[in-house]
Amino acid sequence: MIDTTHFTANTNVRGGDEQLRLTERLARVDPQTMHYEFTVDDPTAFTRTWTGLLPMTLTTEPMFEYACHEGNHALMDILRGARYEETHR
């Protein structure tokens, strides 16, 4: 379980504010599937706690992490170059 608190006014997690508590859980449900479940609790922003569930299925395809590329204006060219290399092997 991942429990995150101490958000700031600059944090925008689905409309939450400084009172936000985000609880995340990862669970393997079978050899091919993992569930990512998150619970948002912020009594000053929402009328009640709410939860979401995202099933993640195992893949053999390459996965590219994109969250760390915020503000990376060269990313489109990097991806364009990778796609070119893939088609010209």
PDB file of N, CA and C in Angstrom:
ATOM      1  N   MET A   1       0.848  -1.172   0.000  1.00  0.00           N
ATOM      2  CA  MET A   1       0.000   0.000   0.000  1.00  0.00           C
ATOM      3  C   MET A   1       0.893   1.235   0.000  1.00  0.00           C
ATOM      4  N   ILE A   2       0.518   2.218  -0.783  1.00  0.00           N
ATOM      5  CA  ILE A   2       1.233   3.491  -0.871  1.00  0.00           C
ATOM      6  C   ILE A   2       0.285   4.568  -0.381  1.00  0.00           C
ATOM      7  N   ASP A   3       0.656   5.246   0.668  1.00  0.00           N
ATOM      8  CA  ASP A   3      -0.200   6.268   1.280  1.00  0.00           C
ATOM      9  C   ASP A   3       0.507   7.614   1.152  1.00  0.00           C
ATOM     10  N   THR A   4      -0.084   8.554   0.415  1.00  0.00           N
ATOM     11  CA  THR A   4       0.550   9.843   0.158  1.00  0.00           C
ATOM     12  C   THR A   4      -0.288  10.969   0.737  1.00  0.00           C
ATOM     13  N   THR A   5       0.369  11.851   1.492  1.00  0.00           N
ATOM     14  CA  THR A   5      -0.272  13.021   2.085  1.00  0.00           C
ATOM     15  C   THR A   5       0.649  14.221   1.881  1.00  0.00           C
ATOM     16  N   HIS A   6       0.322  15.322   2.516  1.00  0.00           N
ATOM     17  CA  HIS A   6       1.119  16.552   2.460  1.00  0.00           C
ATOM     18  C   HIS A   6       1.169  17.150   1.055  1.00  0.00           C
ATOM     19  N   PHE A   7       0.059  17.106   0.354  1.00  0.00           N
ATOM     20  CA  PHE A   7      -0.031  17.790  -0.930  1.00  0.00           C
ATOM     21  C   PHE A   7      -0.060  19.294  -0.684  1.00  0.00           C
ATOM     22  N   THR A   8       0.262  20.061  -1.701  1.00  0.00           N
ATOM     23  CA  THR A   8       0.269  21.515  -1.559  1.00  0.00           C
ATOM     24  C   THR A   8      -0.806  22.130  -2.447  1.00  0.00           C
ATOM     25  N   ALA A   9      -0.973  23.432  -2.342  1.00  0.00           N
ATOM     26  CA  ALA A   9      -1.938  24.147  -3.180  1.00  0.00           C
ATOM     27  C   ALA A   9      -1.545  24.063  -4.655  1.00  0.00           C
ATOM     28  N   ASN A  10      -0.287  23.808  -4.940  1.00  0.00           N
ATOM     29  CA  ASN A  10       0.174  23.680  -6.327  1.00  0.00           C
ATOM     30  C   ASN A  10      -0.096  22.303  -6.921  1.00  0.00           C
ATOM     31  N   THR A  11      -0.514  21.371  -6.097  1.00  0.00           N
ATOM     32  CA  THR A  11      -0.791  20.016  -6.554  1.00  0.00           C
ATOM     33  C   THR A  11      -2.233  19.941  -7.036  1.00  0.00           C
ATOM     34  N   ASN A  12      -2.427  19.383  -8.226  1.00  0.00           N
ATOM     35  CA  ASN A  12      -3.772  19.240  -8.752  1.00  0.00           C
ATOM     36  C   ASN A  12      -4.019  17.765  -9.041  1.00  0.00           C
ATOM     37  N   VAL A  13      -4.532  17.061  -8.066  1.00  0.00           N
ATOM     38  CA  VAL A  13      -4.871  15.651  -8.241  1.00  0.00           C
ATOM     39  C   VAL A  13      -6.380  15.545  -8.268  1.00  0.00           C
ATOM     40  N   ARG A  14      -6.922  15.571  -9.458  1.00  0.00           N
ATOM     41  CA  ARG A  14      -8.372  15.434  -9.651  1.00  0.00           C
ATOM     42  C   ARG A  14      -9.186  16.411  -8.809  1.00  0.00           C
ATOM     43  N   GLY A  15      -8.671  17.628  -8.618  1.00  0.00           N
ATOM     44  CA  GLY A  15      -9.420  18.636  -7.889  1.00  0.00           C
ATOM     45  C   GLY A  15      -9.166  18.674  -6.399  1.00  0.00           C
ATOM     46  N   GLY A  16      -8.265  17.828  -5.924  1.00  0.00           N
ATOM     47  CA  GLY A  16      -7.966  17.805  -4.498  1.00  0.00           C
ATOM     48  C   GLY A  16      -7.157  19.016  -4.066  1.00  0.00           C
ATOM     49  N   ASP A  17      -7.026  19.194  -2.775  1.00  0.00           N
ATOM     50  CA  ASP A  17      -6.251  20.315  -2.242  1.00  0.00           C
ATOM     51  C   ASP A  17      -5.287  19.819  -1.171  1.00  0.00           C
ATOM     52  N   GLU A  18      -4.908  20.677  -0.240  1.00  0.00           N
ATOM     53  CA  GLU A  18      -3.918  20.330   0.775  1.00  0.00           C
ATOM     54  C   GLU A  18      -4.363  19.208   1.710  1.00  0.00           C
ATOM     55  N   GLN A  19      -5.647  18.939   1.805  1.00  0.00           N
ATOM     56  CA  GLN A  19      -6.166  17.891   2.698  1.00  0.00           C
ATOM     57  C   GLN A  19      -6.194  16.511   2.039  1.00  0.00           C
ATOM     58  N   LEU A  20      -5.779  16.438   0.793  1.00  0.00           N
ATOM     59  CA  LEU A  20      -5.854  15.199   0.029  1.00  0.00           C
ATOM     60  C   LEU A  20      -5.015  14.088   0.659  1.00  0.00           C
ATOM     61  N   ARG A  21      -5.599  12.904   0.694  1.00  0.00           N
ATOM     62  CA  ARG A  21      -4.893  11.674   1.075  1.00  0.00           C
ATOM     63  C   ARG A  21      -5.124  10.685  -0.066  1.00  0.00           C
ATOM     64  N   LEU A  22      -4.057  10.257  -0.694  1.00  0.00           N
ATOM     65  CA  LEU A  22      -4.124   9.332  -1.822  1.00  0.00           C
ATOM     66  C   LEU A  22      -3.559   7.994  -1.376  1.00  0.00           C
ATOM     67  N   THR A  23      -4.378   6.951  -1.459  1.00  0.00           N
ATOM     68  CA  THR A  23      -3.956   5.604  -1.087  1.00  0.00           C
ATOM     69  C   THR A  23      -3.968   4.747  -2.344  1.00  0.00           C
ATOM     70  N   GLU A  24      -2.836   4.106  -2.630  1.00  0.00           N
ATOM     71  CA  GLU A  24      -2.709   3.277  -3.827  1.00  0.00           C
ATOM     72  C   GLU A  24      -2.369   1.847  -3.429  1.00  0.00           C
ATOM     73  N   ARG A  25      -2.929   0.909  -4.177  1.00  0.00           N
ATOM     74  CA  ARG A  25      -2.663  -0.506  -3.933  1.00  0.00           C
ATOM     75  C   ARG A  25      -2.389  -1.196  -5.265  1.00  0.00           C
ATOM     76  N   LEU A  26      -1.393  -2.047  -5.267  1.00  0.00           N
ATOM     77  CA  LEU A  26      -1.065  -2.865  -6.432  1.00  0.00           C
ATOM     78  C   LEU A  26      -1.225  -4.320  -6.025  1.00  0.00           C
ATOM     79  N   ALA A  27      -1.961  -5.090  -6.829  1.00  0.00           N
ATOM     80  CA  ALA A  27      -2.196  -6.498  -6.490  1.00  0.00           C
ATOM     81  C   ALA A  27      -2.180  -7.353  -7.745  1.00  0.00           C
ATOM     82  N   ARG A  28      -1.403  -8.422  -7.706  1.00  0.00           N
ATOM     83  CA  ARG A  28      -1.391  -9.391  -8.807  1.00  0.00           C
ATOM     84  C   ARG A  28      -2.630 -10.263  -8.642  1.00  0.00           C
ATOM     85  N   VAL A  29      -3.506 -10.301  -9.650  1.00  0.00           N
ATOM     86  CA  VAL A  29      -4.733 -11.097  -9.541  1.00  0.00           C
ATOM     87  C   VAL A  29      -4.636 -12.410 -10.299  1.00  0.00           C
ATOM     88  N   ASP A  30      -3.731 -12.485 -11.261  1.00  0.00           N
ATOM     89  CA  ASP A  30      -3.420 -13.728 -11.956  1.00  0.00           C
ATOM     90  C   ASP A  30      -2.076 -13.519 -12.659  1.00  0.00           C
ATOM     91  N   PRO A  31      -1.511 -14.549 -13.290  1.00  0.00           N
ATOM     92  CA  PRO A  31      -0.184 -14.390 -13.893  1.00  0.00           C
ATOM     93  C   PRO A  31      -0.104 -13.308 -14.975  1.00  0.00           C
ATOM     94  N   GLN A  32      -1.229 -12.929 -15.543  1.00  0.00           N
ATOM     95  CA  GLN A  32      -1.237 -11.947 -16.628  1.00  0.00           C
ATOM     96  C   GLN A  32      -1.779 -10.577 -16.236  1.00  0.00           C
ATOM     97  N   THR A  33      -2.320 -10.428 -15.020  1.00  0.00           N
ATOM     98  CA  THR A  33      -3.035  -9.203 -14.668  1.00  0.00           C
ATOM     99  C   THR A  33      -2.644  -8.675 -13.296  1.00  0.00           C
ATOM    100  N   MET A  34      -2.467  -7.364 -13.236  1.00  0.00           N
ATOM    101  CA  MET A  34      -2.238  -6.672 -11.985  1.00  0.00           C
ATOM    102  C   MET A  34      -3.299  -5.573 -11.874  1.00  0.00           C
ATOM    103  N   HIS A  35      -3.836  -5.398 -10.683  1.00  0.00           N
ATOM    104  CA  HIS A  35      -4.802  -4.325 -10.444  1.00  0.00           C
ATOM    105  C   HIS A  35      -4.109  -3.161  -9.749  1.00  0.00           C
ATOM    106  N   TYR A  36      -4.332  -1.973 -10.295  1.00  0.00           N
ATOM    107  CA  TYR A  36      -3.897  -0.730  -9.648  1.00  0.00           C
ATOM    108  C   TYR A  36      -5.168  -0.068  -9.133  1.00  0.00           C
ATOM    109  N   GLU A  37      -5.276   0.043  -7.824  1.00  0.00           N
ATOM    110  CA  GLU A  37      -6.456   0.647  -7.193  1.00  0.00           C
ATOM    111  C   GLU A  37      -6.015   1.884  -6.434  1.00  0.00           C
ATOM    112  N   PHE A  38      -6.763   2.957  -6.570  1.00  0.00           N
ATOM    113  CA  PHE A  38      -6.438   4.181  -5.843  1.00  0.00           C
ATOM    114  C   PHE A  38      -7.691   4.717  -5.164  1.00  0.00           C
ATOM    115  N   THR A  39      -7.496   5.288  -3.989  1.00  0.00           N
ATOM    116  CA  THR A  39      -8.587   5.888  -3.231  1.00  0.00           C
ATOM    117  C   THR A  39      -8.220   7.333  -2.936  1.00  0.00           C
ATOM    118  N   VAL A  40      -9.131   8.234  -3.252  1.00  0.00           N
ATOM    119  CA  VAL A  40      -8.941   9.662  -3.039  1.00  0.00           C
ATOM    120  C   VAL A  40      -9.843  10.089  -1.883  1.00  0.00           C
ATOM    121  N   ASP A  41      -9.222  10.654  -0.852  1.00  0.00           N
ATOM    122  CA  ASP A  41      -9.960  11.132   0.310  1.00  0.00           C
ATOM    123  C   ASP A  41      -9.549  12.580   0.566  1.00  0.00           C
ATOM    124  N   ASP A  42     -10.481  13.496   0.380  1.00  0.00           N
ATOM    125  CA  ASP A  42     -10.222  14.913   0.610  1.00  0.00           C
ATOM    126  C   ASP A  42     -11.537  15.564   1.014  1.00  0.00           C
ATOM    127  N   PRO A  43     -11.811  15.644   2.317  1.00  0.00           N
ATOM    128  CA  PRO A  43     -13.105  16.135   2.786  1.00  0.00           C
ATOM    129  C   PRO A  43     -13.385  17.601   2.440  1.00  0.00           C
ATOM    130  N   THR A  44     -12.351  18.376   2.130  1.00  0.00           N
ATOM    131  CA  THR A  44     -12.607  19.776   1.769  1.00  0.00           C
ATOM    132  C   THR A  44     -12.862  19.964   0.275  1.00  0.00           C
ATOM    133  N   ALA A  45     -12.552  18.955  -0.526  1.00  0.00           N
ATOM    134  CA  ALA A  45     -12.743  19.066  -1.979  1.00  0.00           C
ATOM    135  C   ALA A  45     -13.864  18.176  -2.511  1.00  0.00           C
ATOM    136  N   PHE A  46     -14.164  17.083  -1.819  1.00  0.00           N
ATOM    137  CA  PHE A  46     -15.156  16.126  -2.305  1.00  0.00           C
ATOM    138  C   PHE A  46     -16.172  15.811  -1.211  1.00  0.00           C
ATOM    139  N   THR A  47     -17.372  15.451  -1.628  1.00  0.00           N
ATOM    140  CA  THR A  47     -18.419  15.120  -0.654  1.00  0.00           C
ATOM    141  C   THR A  47     -18.213  13.747  -0.034  1.00  0.00           C
ATOM    142  N   ARG A  48     -17.449  12.874  -0.709  1.00  0.00           N
ATOM    143  CA  ARG A  48     -17.163  11.559  -0.148  1.00  0.00           C
ATOM    144  C   ARG A  48     -15.889  11.001  -0.766  1.00  0.00           C
ATOM    145  N   THR A  49     -15.331  10.004  -0.145  1.00  0.00           N
ATOM    146  CA  THR A  49     -14.150   9.311  -0.658  1.00  0.00           C
ATOM    147  C   THR A  49     -14.533   8.556  -1.929  1.00  0.00           C
ATOM    148  N   TRP A  50     -13.619   8.508  -2.897  1.00  0.00           N
ATOM    149  CA  TRP A  50     -13.899   7.752  -4.117  1.00  0.00           C
ATOM    150  C   TRP A  50     -12.684   6.918  -4.513  1.00  0.00           C
ATOM    151  N   THR A  51     -12.968   5.836  -5.233  1.00  0.00           N
ATOM    152  CA  THR A  51     -11.952   4.849  -5.587  1.00  0.00           C
ATOM    153  C   THR A  51     -12.026   4.524  -7.064  1.00  0.00           C
ATOM    154  N   GLY A  52     -10.879   4.266  -7.658  1.00  0.00           N
ATOM    155  CA  GLY A  52     -10.799   3.818  -9.047  1.00  0.00           C
ATOM    156  C   GLY A  52      -9.960   2.552  -9.123  1.00  0.00           C
ATOM    157  N   LEU A  53     -10.201   1.758 -10.149  1.00  0.00           N
ATOM    158  CA  LEU A  53      -9.464   0.510 -10.348  1.00  0.00           C
ATOM    159  C   LEU A  53      -9.070   0.417 -11.813  1.00  0.00           C
ATOM    160  N   LEU A  54      -7.787   0.167 -12.043  1.00  0.00           N
ATOM    161  CA  LEU A  54      -7.269   0.029 -13.396  1.00  0.00           C
ATOM    162  C   LEU A  54      -6.579  -1.320 -13.524  1.00  0.00           C
ATOM    163  N   PRO A  55      -7.172  -2.253 -14.298  1.00  0.00           N
ATOM    164  CA  PRO A  55      -6.485  -3.525 -14.512  1.00  0.00           C
ATOM    165  C   PRO A  55      -5.360  -3.335 -15.531  1.00  0.00           C
ATOM    166  N   MET A  56      -4.204  -3.894 -15.239  1.00  0.00           N
ATOM    167  CA  MET A  56      -3.052  -3.814 -16.132  1.00  0.00           C
ATOM    168  C   MET A  56      -2.712  -5.218 -16.595  1.00  0.00           C
ATOM    169  N   THR A  57      -2.663  -5.400 -17.909  1.00  0.00           N
ATOM    170  CA  THR A  57      -2.419  -6.709 -18.492  1.00  0.00           C
ATOM    171  C   THR A  57      -0.981  -6.815 -18.979  1.00  0.00           C
ATOM    172  N   LEU A  58      -0.346  -7.939 -18.704  1.00  0.00           N
ATOM    173  CA  LEU A  58       1.021  -8.194 -19.125  1.00  0.00           C
ATOM    174  C   LEU A  58       1.126  -8.088 -20.638  1.00  0.00           C
ATOM    175  N   THR A  59       2.193  -7.472 -21.104  1.00  0.00           N
ATOM    176  CA  THR A  59       2.417  -7.349 -22.535  1.00  0.00           C
ATOM    177  C   THR A  59       3.851  -7.731 -22.866  1.00  0.00           C
ATOM    178  N   THR A  60       4.078  -8.188 -24.077  1.00  0.00           N
ATOM    179  CA  THR A  60       5.433  -8.468 -24.539  1.00  0.00           C
ATOM    180  C   THR A  60       5.961  -7.298 -25.370  1.00  0.00           C
ATOM    181  N   GLU A  61       5.111  -6.311 -25.610  1.00  0.00           N
ATOM    182  CA  GLU A  61       5.506  -5.131 -26.383  1.00  0.00           C
ATOM    183  C   GLU A  61       6.348  -4.198 -25.517  1.00  0.00           C
ATOM    184  N   PRO A  62       7.206  -3.386 -26.137  1.00  0.00           N
ATOM    185  CA  PRO A  62       7.981  -2.419 -25.350  1.00  0.00           C
ATOM    186  C   PRO A  62       7.071  -1.375 -24.713  1.00  0.00           C
ATOM    187  N   MET A  63       7.436  -0.948 -23.518  1.00  0.00           N
ATOM    188  CA  MET A  63       6.685   0.097 -22.823  1.00  0.00           C
ATOM    189  C   MET A  63       7.596   1.299 -22.652  1.00  0.00           C
ATOM    190  N   PHE A  64       7.053   2.479 -22.874  1.00  0.00           N
ATOM    191  CA  PHE A  64       7.826   3.698 -22.761  1.00  0.00           C
ATOM    192  C   PHE A  64       7.228   4.562 -21.666  1.00  0.00           C
ATOM    193  N   GLU A  65       8.037   4.948 -20.701  1.00  0.00           N
ATOM    194  CA  GLU A  65       7.597   5.800 -19.612  1.00  0.00           C
ATOM    195  C   GLU A  65       7.559   7.232 -20.129  1.00  0.00           C
ATOM    196  N   TYR A  66       6.474   7.925 -19.874  1.00  0.00           N
ATOM    197  CA  TYR A  66       6.326   9.267 -20.433  1.00  0.00           C
ATOM    198  C   TYR A  66       6.188  10.361 -19.386  1.00  0.00           C
ATOM    199  N   ALA A  67       5.938  10.034 -18.152  1.00  0.00           N
ATOM    200  CA  ALA A  67       5.680  11.057 -17.139  1.00  0.00           C
ATOM    201  C   ALA A  67       6.888  11.949 -16.896  1.00  0.00           C
ATOM    202  N   CYS A  68       8.080  11.436 -17.079  1.00  0.00           N
ATOM    203  CA  CYS A  68       9.280  12.225 -16.799  1.00  0.00           C
ATOM    204  C   CYS A  68       9.684  13.116 -17.964  1.00  0.00           C
ATOM    205  N   HIS A  69       8.877  13.179 -19.000  1.00  0.00           N
ATOM    206  CA  HIS A  69       9.222  13.975 -20.171  1.00  0.00           C
ATOM    207  C   HIS A  69       8.471  15.293 -20.222  1.00  0.00           C
ATOM    208  N   GLU A  70       7.928  15.734 -19.103  1.00  0.00           N
ATOM    209  CA  GLU A  70       7.241  17.015 -19.078  1.00  0.00           C
ATOM    210  C   GLU A  70       8.223  18.121 -19.445  1.00  0.00           C
ATOM    211  N   GLY A  71       7.852  18.954 -20.367  1.00  0.00           N
ATOM    212  CA  GLY A  71       8.709  20.053 -20.778  1.00  0.00           C
ATOM    213  C   GLY A  71       9.820  19.646 -21.729  1.00  0.00           C
ATOM    214  N   ASN A  72       9.882  18.380 -22.110  1.00  0.00           N
ATOM    215  CA  ASN A  72      10.901  17.914 -23.045  1.00  0.00           C
ATOM    216  C   ASN A  72      10.375  18.136 -24.456  1.00  0.00           C
ATOM    217  N   HIS A  73      10.707  19.266 -25.030  1.00  0.00           N
ATOM    218  CA  HIS A  73      10.187  19.627 -26.355  1.00  0.00           C
ATOM    219  C   HIS A  73      10.804  18.798 -27.475  1.00  0.00           C
ATOM    220  N   ALA A  74      11.892  18.080 -27.190  1.00  0.00           N
ATOM    221  CA  ALA A  74      12.526  17.242 -28.195  1.00  0.00           C
ATOM    222  C   ALA A  74      11.903  15.852 -28.264  1.00  0.00           C
ATOM    223  N   LEU A  75      10.969  15.561 -27.370  1.00  0.00           N
ATOM    224  CA  LEU A  75      10.420  14.209 -27.304  1.00  0.00           C
ATOM    225  C   LEU A  75       9.784  13.774 -28.622  1.00  0.00           C
ATOM    226  N   MET A  76       9.088  14.673 -29.294  1.00  0.00           N
ATOM    227  CA  MET A  76       8.446  14.295 -30.571  1.00  0.00           C
ATOM    228  C   MET A  76       9.496  13.846 -31.586  1.00  0.00           C
ATOM    229  N   ASP A  77      10.628  14.531 -31.643  1.00  0.00           N
ATOM    230  CA  ASP A  77      11.684  14.124 -32.573  1.00  0.00           C
ATOM    231  C   ASP A  77      12.326  12.810 -32.146  1.00  0.00           C
ATOM    232  N   ILE A  78      12.476  12.607 -30.847  1.00  0.00           N
ATOM    233  CA  ILE A  78      13.033  11.349 -30.351  1.00  0.00           C
ATOM    234  C   ILE A  78      12.135  10.192 -30.769  1.00  0.00           C
ATOM    235  N   LEU A  79      10.822  10.342 -30.571  1.00  0.00           N
ATOM    236  CA  LEU A  79       9.885   9.280 -30.943  1.00  0.00           C
ATOM    237  C   LEU A  79       9.826   9.105 -32.459  1.00  0.00           C
ATOM    238  N   ARG A  80       9.863  10.205 -33.199  1.00  0.00           N
ATOM    239  CA  ARG A  80       9.836  10.134 -34.661  1.00  0.00           C
ATOM    240  C   ARG A  80      11.052   9.356 -35.160  1.00  0.00           C
ATOM    241  N   GLY A  81      12.228   9.610 -34.561  1.00  0.00           N
ATOM    242  CA  GLY A  81      13.440   8.884 -34.940  1.00  0.00           C
ATOM    243  C   GLY A  81      13.332   7.402 -34.616  1.00  0.00           C
ATOM    244  N   ALA A  82      12.768   7.083 -33.477  1.00  0.00           N
ATOM    245  CA  ALA A  82      12.598   5.673 -33.096  1.00  0.00           C
ATOM    246  C   ALA A  82      11.648   4.967 -34.046  1.00  0.00           C
ATOM    247  N   ARG A  83      10.561   5.631 -34.429  1.00  0.00           N
ATOM    248  CA  ARG A  83       9.615   5.010 -35.370  1.00  0.00           C
ATOM    249  C   ARG A  83      10.273   4.800 -36.736  1.00  0.00           C
ATOM    250  N   TYR A  84      11.113   5.748 -37.160  1.00  0.00           N
ATOM    251  CA  TYR A  84      11.837   5.608 -38.429  1.00  0.00           C
ATOM    252  C   TYR A  84      12.748   4.391 -38.383  1.00  0.00           C
ATOM    253  N   GLU A  85      13.497   4.260 -37.266  1.00  0.00           N
ATOM    254  CA  GLU A  85      14.395   3.109 -37.137  1.00  0.00           C
ATOM    255  C   GLU A  85      13.627   1.796 -37.140  1.00  0.00           C
ATOM    256  N   GLU A  86      12.458   1.770 -36.524  1.00  0.00           N
ATOM    257  CA  GLU A  86      11.653   0.548 -36.484  1.00  0.00           C
ATOM    258  C   GLU A  86      11.208   0.129 -37.878  1.00  0.00           C
ATOM    259  N   THR A  87      10.887   1.087 -38.737  1.00  0.00           N
ATOM    260  CA  THR A  87      10.376   0.759 -40.068  1.00  0.00           C
ATOM    261  C   THR A  87      11.483   0.527 -41.081  1.00  0.00           C
ATOM    262  N   HIS A  88      12.732   0.851 -40.744  1.00  0.00           N
ATOM    263  CA  HIS A  88      13.837   0.694 -41.696  1.00  0.00           C
ATOM    264  C   HIS A  88      14.899  -0.289 -41.191  1.00  0.00           C
ATOM    265  N   ARG A  89      14.451  -1.338 -40.548  1.00  0.00           N
ATOM    266  CA  ARG A  89      15.385  -2.371 -40.072  1.00  0.00           C
ATOM    267  C   ARG A  89      15.632  -3.390 -41.130  1.00  0.00           C
TER     268      ARG A  89
END
